[in-house]
Structures are given as structure tokens and as C-alpha cells.
Amino acid sequence: MIKKPATKKLKIIPHFGSEAEERRFWQTHDSTDYLDWSKAEPARFAKLKLSTQTISLRLPLALLERIRIEANKRDVPYQSLIKIWLSEKTR
């Protein structure tokens, strides 16, 4: 006779007053104590958009041209390449 593993009693996820409070909680707690991940299903958030802010940035024309050349080599829009570089540099 095959024995099924005992099901673990899950803890109740507390109510959080803010996203920051929830983030701090999950940094110090194991989610498997609160969720049965074997029952998880993939989710799609098709209309989710990242928040962005438009800025104006003045660059010397020669620098902008070099950025455009590098972007062209990588087959990406130059503004996307600037965002990639800024993200890498600020990590």
C-alpha cells in the first residue's frame, strides 16, 4: 500500500497595510508555509503596464549619433539601449 505524504497545515497570510510592509514580511518568511505551490497555475497580466516617467535629456549630437550606431548594431531602438545601459550602471 502506497502512503500519501501528510498534507502540511498552511498558515494564514496576514493582512498588509502597504506594499512595503508585505515586501518586508516575505523577505523574512518562507512562502511554502503559507501557500501550496503544487496547486499554482500560471497567470498572465496582458494589460499590465510598468509605470514610467517621460524626461527630457539634452545630449551632444555626436554622443547621440554614437548611441544610435550602437543601438543599430544591436537591432534595438536607441532609447531602449539607453534604458538598458542606465539600468546596468545603476545596479
N, C-alpha and C. Protein backbone atom coordinates (compact mmCIF):
# COMPACT_ATOMS: atom_id res chain seq x y z
N MET A 1 0.83 -1.18 0.00
CA MET A 1 0.00 0.00 0.00
C MET A 1 0.89 1.26 0.00
N ILE A 2 0.62 2.19 -0.90
CA ILE A 2 1.40 3.42 -1.02
C ILE A 2 0.82 4.48 -0.09
N LYS A 3 1.69 5.05 0.71
CA LYS A 3 1.26 6.10 1.64
C LYS A 3 1.41 7.46 0.98
N LYS A 4 0.40 8.29 1.10
CA LYS A 4 0.47 9.66 0.62
C LYS A 4 1.18 10.50 1.66
N PRO A 5 2.02 11.45 1.22
CA PRO A 5 2.67 12.31 2.21
C PRO A 5 1.64 13.13 2.97
N ALA A 6 1.90 13.37 4.23
CA ALA A 6 0.98 14.14 5.05
C ALA A 6 0.88 15.57 4.50
N THR A 7 -0.34 16.06 4.45
CA THR A 7 -0.51 17.43 3.96
C THR A 7 -0.12 18.39 5.08
N LYS A 8 0.61 19.39 4.72
CA LYS A 8 1.12 20.38 5.67
C LYS A 8 0.03 21.40 5.95
N LYS A 9 -0.20 21.71 7.22
CA LYS A 9 -1.18 22.74 7.58
C LYS A 9 -0.57 24.10 7.26
N LEU A 10 -1.25 24.83 6.41
CA LEU A 10 -0.74 26.12 5.97
C LEU A 10 -1.13 27.23 6.93
N LYS A 11 -0.23 28.18 7.10
CA LYS A 11 -0.50 29.35 7.93
C LYS A 11 -1.34 30.35 7.13
N ILE A 12 -2.04 31.21 7.84
CA ILE A 12 -2.87 32.25 7.21
C ILE A 12 -1.97 33.43 6.85
N ILE A 13 -2.10 33.91 5.61
CA ILE A 13 -1.33 35.08 5.16
C ILE A 13 -1.93 36.31 5.85
N PRO A 14 -1.12 37.10 6.55
CA PRO A 14 -1.66 38.27 7.24
C PRO A 14 -2.08 39.37 6.28
N HIS A 15 -2.87 40.29 6.78
CA HIS A 15 -3.27 41.48 6.00
C HIS A 15 -2.12 42.49 6.10
N PHE A 16 -1.79 43.11 4.99
CA PHE A 16 -0.70 44.08 4.96
C PHE A 16 -1.26 45.47 4.72
N GLY A 17 -0.72 46.44 5.43
CA GLY A 17 -1.17 47.82 5.28
C GLY A 17 -0.58 48.53 4.08
N SER A 18 0.53 47.98 3.57
CA SER A 18 1.18 48.61 2.42
C SER A 18 2.00 47.56 1.68
N GLU A 19 2.38 47.90 0.47
CA GLU A 19 3.23 47.01 -0.32
C GLU A 19 4.60 46.85 0.35
N ALA A 20 5.10 47.92 0.94
CA ALA A 20 6.40 47.86 1.62
C ALA A 20 6.34 46.91 2.81
N GLU A 21 5.25 46.94 3.55
CA GLU A 21 5.07 46.04 4.69
C GLU A 21 5.04 44.59 4.22
N GLU A 22 4.34 44.33 3.12
CA GLU A 22 4.28 42.97 2.57
C GLU A 22 5.66 42.51 2.10
N ARG A 23 6.38 43.40 1.46
CA ARG A 23 7.72 43.07 0.97
C ARG A 23 8.63 42.66 2.13
N ARG A 24 8.58 43.44 3.23
CA ARG A 24 9.40 43.12 4.40
C ARG A 24 9.00 41.76 4.98
N PHE A 25 7.71 41.46 5.01
CA PHE A 25 7.23 40.18 5.54
C PHE A 25 7.81 39.02 4.74
N TRP A 26 7.69 39.09 3.39
CA TRP A 26 8.13 37.96 2.57
C TRP A 26 9.65 37.83 2.52
N GLN A 27 10.37 38.87 2.87
CA GLN A 27 11.83 38.77 2.94
C GLN A 27 12.28 37.92 4.12
N THR A 28 11.41 37.76 5.12
CA THR A 28 11.78 37.03 6.32
C THR A 28 10.93 35.78 6.57
N HIS A 29 10.03 35.45 5.64
CA HIS A 29 9.16 34.28 5.81
C HIS A 29 9.21 33.40 4.56
N ASP A 30 9.05 32.12 4.77
CA ASP A 30 9.05 31.15 3.67
C ASP A 30 7.63 31.01 3.13
N SER A 31 7.44 31.29 1.85
CA SER A 31 6.10 31.24 1.26
C SER A 31 5.47 29.85 1.30
N THR A 32 6.30 28.80 1.36
CA THR A 32 5.74 27.44 1.39
C THR A 32 5.03 27.14 2.72
N ASP A 33 5.25 27.99 3.73
CA ASP A 33 4.49 27.85 4.98
C ASP A 33 3.07 28.40 4.82
N TYR A 34 2.85 29.18 3.76
CA TYR A 34 1.57 29.87 3.57
C TYR A 34 0.83 29.44 2.30
N LEU A 35 1.54 28.89 1.34
CA LEU A 35 0.94 28.53 0.05
C LEU A 35 1.35 27.13 -0.36
N ASP A 36 0.43 26.43 -1.02
CA ASP A 36 0.74 25.13 -1.60
C ASP A 36 1.08 25.38 -3.07
N TRP A 37 2.37 25.52 -3.37
CA TRP A 37 2.80 25.86 -4.72
C TRP A 37 2.53 24.75 -5.73
N SER A 38 2.25 23.53 -5.27
CA SER A 38 1.95 22.45 -6.21
C SER A 38 0.61 22.70 -6.91
N LYS A 39 -0.21 23.55 -6.35
CA LYS A 39 -1.52 23.87 -6.95
C LYS A 39 -1.50 25.19 -7.73
N ALA A 40 -0.33 25.81 -7.83
CA ALA A 40 -0.22 27.10 -8.52
C ALA A 40 -0.43 26.93 -10.02
N GLU A 41 -1.02 27.93 -10.63
CA GLU A 41 -1.25 27.95 -12.07
C GLU A 41 -0.63 29.22 -12.65
N PRO A 42 -0.12 29.14 -13.88
CA PRO A 42 0.46 30.35 -14.50
C PRO A 42 -0.60 31.44 -14.65
N ALA A 43 -0.18 32.68 -14.49
CA ALA A 43 -1.07 33.83 -14.65
C ALA A 43 -0.50 34.75 -15.71
N ARG A 44 -1.40 35.40 -16.46
CA ARG A 44 -0.99 36.37 -17.46
C ARG A 44 -1.67 37.69 -17.14
N PHE A 45 -0.88 38.74 -17.20
CA PHE A 45 -1.40 40.08 -16.95
C PHE A 45 -1.17 40.90 -18.22
N ALA A 46 -1.99 40.64 -19.22
CA ALA A 46 -1.79 41.22 -20.55
C ALA A 46 -1.85 42.74 -20.56
N LYS A 47 -2.65 43.34 -19.71
CA LYS A 47 -2.81 44.79 -19.76
C LYS A 47 -1.96 45.51 -18.71
N LEU A 48 -1.08 44.77 -18.04
CA LEU A 48 -0.23 45.37 -17.02
C LEU A 48 0.85 46.21 -17.70
N LYS A 49 0.97 47.45 -17.29
CA LYS A 49 1.98 48.34 -17.85
C LYS A 49 2.87 48.83 -16.72
N LEU A 50 4.17 48.81 -16.97
CA LEU A 50 5.10 49.34 -15.99
C LEU A 50 4.94 50.85 -15.92
N SER A 51 5.09 51.39 -14.74
CA SER A 51 4.98 52.84 -14.61
C SER A 51 6.27 53.47 -15.13
N THR A 52 6.11 54.48 -15.93
CA THR A 52 7.26 55.19 -16.49
C THR A 52 7.04 56.68 -16.37
N GLN A 53 8.11 57.41 -16.48
CA GLN A 53 8.06 58.87 -16.45
C GLN A 53 8.82 59.39 -17.65
N THR A 54 8.23 60.28 -18.38
CA THR A 54 8.90 60.89 -19.52
C THR A 54 9.83 61.98 -19.01
N ILE A 55 11.06 61.97 -19.54
CA ILE A 55 12.02 63.02 -19.18
C ILE A 55 12.59 63.62 -20.45
N SER A 56 13.15 64.78 -20.30
CA SER A 56 13.84 65.43 -21.40
C SER A 56 15.33 65.44 -21.05
N LEU A 57 16.14 64.98 -21.99
CA LEU A 57 17.57 64.87 -21.74
C LEU A 57 18.31 65.45 -22.92
N ARG A 58 19.11 66.46 -22.67
CA ARG A 58 19.88 67.07 -23.75
C ARG A 58 21.24 66.39 -23.85
N LEU A 59 21.56 65.89 -25.05
CA LEU A 59 22.84 65.21 -25.29
C LEU A 59 23.55 65.89 -26.44
N PRO A 60 24.87 65.91 -26.40
CA PRO A 60 25.60 66.41 -27.57
C PRO A 60 25.26 65.53 -28.78
N LEU A 61 25.12 66.15 -29.92
CA LEU A 61 24.73 65.44 -31.12
C LEU A 61 25.67 64.28 -31.44
N ALA A 62 26.97 64.48 -31.25
CA ALA A 62 27.93 63.41 -31.54
C ALA A 62 27.70 62.20 -30.64
N LEU A 63 27.38 62.43 -29.37
CA LEU A 63 27.10 61.34 -28.44
C LEU A 63 25.83 60.60 -28.86
N LEU A 64 24.81 61.34 -29.20
CA LEU A 64 23.55 60.72 -29.64
C LEU A 64 23.77 59.87 -30.89
N GLU A 65 24.56 60.34 -31.81
CA GLU A 65 24.85 59.58 -33.03
C GLU A 65 25.58 58.28 -32.70
N ARG A 66 26.54 58.34 -31.77
CA ARG A 66 27.26 57.11 -31.37
C ARG A 66 26.32 56.12 -30.70
N ILE A 67 25.39 56.64 -29.89
CA ILE A 67 24.40 55.76 -29.25
C ILE A 67 23.50 55.12 -30.31
N ARG A 68 23.08 55.89 -31.28
CA ARG A 68 22.23 55.35 -32.35
C ARG A 68 22.97 54.27 -33.15
N ILE A 69 24.24 54.48 -33.40
CA ILE A 69 25.04 53.47 -34.13
C ILE A 69 25.11 52.18 -33.33
N GLU A 70 25.38 52.31 -32.01
CA GLU A 70 25.44 51.11 -31.15
C GLU A 70 24.09 50.41 -31.09
N ALA A 71 23.02 51.18 -31.03
CA ALA A 71 21.68 50.59 -31.00
C ALA A 71 21.39 49.86 -32.30
N ASN A 72 21.80 50.45 -33.41
CA ASN A 72 21.59 49.83 -34.72
C ASN A 72 22.33 48.51 -34.81
N LYS A 73 23.56 48.47 -34.29
CA LYS A 73 24.34 47.22 -34.29
C LYS A 73 23.62 46.12 -33.52
N ARG A 74 22.93 46.52 -32.45
CA ARG A 74 22.23 45.55 -31.60
C ARG A 74 20.79 45.32 -32.04
N ASP A 75 20.35 46.05 -33.05
CA ASP A 75 18.98 45.97 -33.57
C ASP A 75 17.94 46.27 -32.50
N VAL A 76 18.19 47.34 -31.73
CA VAL A 76 17.23 47.81 -30.73
C VAL A 76 17.05 49.31 -30.90
N PRO A 77 15.91 49.84 -30.51
CA PRO A 77 15.75 51.29 -30.56
C PRO A 77 16.75 51.98 -29.63
N TYR A 78 17.24 53.14 -30.04
CA TYR A 78 18.29 53.81 -29.27
C TYR A 78 17.83 54.17 -27.86
N GLN A 79 16.54 54.54 -27.70
CA GLN A 79 16.05 54.88 -26.37
C GLN A 79 16.03 53.64 -25.46
N SER A 80 15.72 52.49 -26.04
CA SER A 80 15.75 51.24 -25.26
C SER A 80 17.17 50.92 -24.83
N LEU A 81 18.13 51.14 -25.71
CA LEU A 81 19.53 50.89 -25.37
C LEU A 81 19.98 51.81 -24.24
N ILE A 82 19.58 53.06 -24.29
CA ILE A 82 19.91 54.00 -23.21
C ILE A 82 19.35 53.49 -21.89
N LYS A 83 18.09 53.01 -21.90
CA LYS A 83 17.48 52.48 -20.67
C LYS A 83 18.23 51.25 -20.16
N ILE A 84 18.65 50.39 -21.07
CA ILE A 84 19.41 49.19 -20.69
C ILE A 84 20.71 49.61 -20.01
N TRP A 85 21.43 50.54 -20.64
CA TRP A 85 22.71 50.98 -20.09
C TRP A 85 22.53 51.65 -18.73
N LEU A 86 21.51 52.47 -18.60
CA LEU A 86 21.26 53.14 -17.31
C LEU A 86 20.94 52.11 -16.23
N SER A 87 20.13 51.13 -16.57
CA SER A 87 19.78 50.09 -15.62
C SER A 87 21.01 49.30 -15.18
N GLU A 88 21.85 48.92 -16.14
CA GLU A 88 23.07 48.18 -15.80
C GLU A 88 23.99 49.00 -14.91
N LYS A 89 24.12 50.26 -15.23
CA LYS A 89 25.06 51.13 -14.49
C LYS A 89 24.58 51.38 -13.06
N THR A 90 23.30 51.41 -12.85
CA THR A 90 22.77 51.73 -11.51
C THR A 90 22.57 50.50 -10.62
N ARG A 91 22.89 49.32 -11.13
CA ARG A 91 22.77 48.10 -10.29
C ARG A 91 23.87 48.03 -9.29
